[in-house]
Structure formats: C-alpha cells, structure tokens
C-alpha atoms as a PDB file:
ATOM      1  CA  MET A   1     107.482 107.679 138.375  1.00  0.00           C
ATOM      2  CA  LYS A   2     105.188 109.568 136.645  1.00  0.00           C
ATOM      3  CA  ARG A   3     106.367 111.056 133.141  1.00  0.00           C
ATOM      4  CA  SER A   4     105.589 114.390 131.879  1.00  0.00           C
ATOM      5  CA  TYR A   5     103.382 114.890 128.879  1.00  0.00           C
ATOM      6  CA  LEU A   6     106.130 116.866 127.068  1.00  0.00           C
ATOM      7  CA  SER A   7     108.217 113.394 127.005  1.00  0.00           C
ATOM      8  CA  VAL A   8     105.054 111.340 126.308  1.00  0.00           C
ATOM      9  CA  ALA A   9     104.355 113.406 123.289  1.00  0.00           C
ATOM     10  CA  LEU A  10     107.659 113.645 121.984  1.00  0.00           C
ATOM     11  CA  LEU A  11     108.140 109.713 122.449  1.00  0.00           C
ATOM     12  CA  LEU A  12     104.476 109.344 120.051  1.00  0.00           C
ATOM     13  CA  VAL A  13     105.834 111.941 117.534  1.00  0.00           C
ATOM     14  CA  VAL A  14     109.020 109.479 117.208  1.00  0.00           C
ATOM     15  CA  LEU A  15     106.394 106.536 117.243  1.00  0.00           C
ATOM     16  CA  MET A  16     104.477 108.166 114.584  1.00  0.00           C
ATOM     17  CA  LEU A  17     107.663 108.789 112.491  1.00  0.00           C
ATOM     18  CA  ASN A  18     108.933 105.252 112.861  1.00  0.00           C
ATOM     19  CA  ILE A  19     105.671 103.965 111.393  1.00  0.00           C
ATOM     20  CA  ILE A  20     105.633 106.352 108.372  1.00  0.00           C
ATOM     21  CA  PHE A  21     109.043 105.750 107.465  1.00  0.00           C
ATOM     22  CA  THR A  22     108.647 102.126 107.554  1.00  0.00           C
ATOM     23  CA  GLN A  23     105.542 102.470 105.385  1.00  0.00           C
ATOM     24  CA  TYR A  24     107.664 104.665 103.172  1.00  0.00           C
ATOM     25  CA  MET A  25     110.406 102.200 102.922  1.00  0.00           C
ATOM     26  CA  VAL A  26     107.979  98.990 101.940  1.00  0.00           C
ATOM     27  CA  HIS A  27     106.296 101.023  99.188  1.00  0.00           C
ATOM     28  CA  GLN A  28     109.770 102.353  97.830  1.00  0.00           C
ATOM     29  CA  TYR A  29     110.741  98.388  98.044  1.00  0.00           C
ATOM     30  CA  PHE A  30     107.650  97.254  95.833  1.00  0.00           C
ATOM     31  CA  TYR A  31     108.379  99.628  93.384  1.00  0.00           C
ATOM     32  CA  GLU A  32     112.021  98.912  92.766  1.00  0.00           C
ATOM     33  CA  HIS A  33     113.757 102.513  94.227  1.00  0.00           C
ATOM     34  CA  TYR A  34     116.317 100.611  96.130  1.00  0.00           C
ATOM     35  CA  SER A  35     118.360 103.486  97.103  1.00  0.00           C
ATOM     36  CA  THR A  36     115.096 105.484  98.814  1.00  0.00           C
ATOM     37  CA  THR A  37     114.564 102.404 100.556  1.00  0.00           C
ATOM     38  CA  LEU A  38     117.891 102.215 102.200  1.00  0.00           C
ATOM     39  CA  ILE A  39     117.507 106.427 103.033  1.00  0.00           C
ATOM     40  CA  ALA A  40     114.346 105.307 104.629  1.00  0.00           C
ATOM     41  CA  ALA A  41     115.940 102.275 106.759  1.00  0.00           C
ATOM     42  CA  ILE A  42     118.742 104.435 108.067  1.00  0.00           C
ATOM     43  CA  ILE A  43     116.231 107.004 109.219  1.00  0.00           C
ATOM     44  CA  ASN A  44     114.284 104.680 111.005  1.00  0.00           C
ATOM     45  CA  VAL A  45     117.419 103.040 112.747  1.00  0.00           C
ATOM     46  CA  ILE A  46     118.360 106.630 113.789  1.00  0.00           C
ATOM     47  CA  LEU A  47     114.978 106.967 115.162  1.00  0.00           C
ATOM     48  CA  PHE A  48     115.532 104.519 117.854  1.00  0.00           C
ATOM     49  CA  PRO A  49     118.609 106.078 119.474  1.00  0.00           C
ATOM     50  CA  VAL A  50     116.475 109.394 119.561  1.00  0.00           C
ATOM     51  CA  ALA A  51     113.500 107.483 121.393  1.00  0.00           C
ATOM     52  CA  PHE A  52     116.126 106.025 123.709  1.00  0.00           C
ATOM     53  CA  PHE A  53     117.438 109.274 124.861  1.00  0.00           C
ATOM     54  CA  ILE A  54     113.742 110.684 125.371  1.00  0.00           C
ATOM     55  CA  TYR A  55     112.708 107.843 127.526  1.00  0.00           C
ATOM     56  CA  LYS A  56     116.166 108.061 129.318  1.00  0.00           C
ATOM     57  CA  LYS A  57     116.293 111.982 129.622  1.00  0.00           C
ATOM     58  CA  GLY A  58     112.748 112.439 129.754  1.00  0.00           C
ATOM     59  CA  VAL A  59     111.453 115.287 132.171  1.00  0.00           C
ATOM     60  CA  ASN A  60     109.600 113.613 135.343  1.00  0.00           C
ATOM     61  CA  VAL A  61     107.299 115.279 137.284  1.00  0.00           C
ATOM     62  CA  ASN A  62     108.571 114.314 140.838  1.00  0.00           C
ATOM     63  CA  ASP A  63     112.017 115.090 140.551  1.00  0.00           C
END
C-alpha cells in the first residue's frame, strides 16, 4: 500500500507543528506563562487526531 506524496507531506507538516508547539510550550512554562502553556498544550493535543485522520483517510496510489 503506497501513500501519496500529499498525505505524506501533510503528515510532515503536522509533525513539524507538533515539534514547534512543544518547544513553545516548554519555553512558556520556563518563563512561567502558564495560560500560554495550556493553550500550546491544547493545540498539541488537537493536532494528534488531525494526524490520525490524515493517516487513515490519506489518498492511496493504488486505489
């Protein structure tokens, strides 16, 4: 089962966003900005189902 380049690229974008928001969350926690930390954590949690949806519904080449 081959994946299309579009679904792989979207998964890479979601992974990059996870890395960015995790780093931002740690940075804000270090400087004691707890409300911003929670917002970044919620965005990180929301990105997981998005990635799962892209993985499950991704366009297959051999369909």
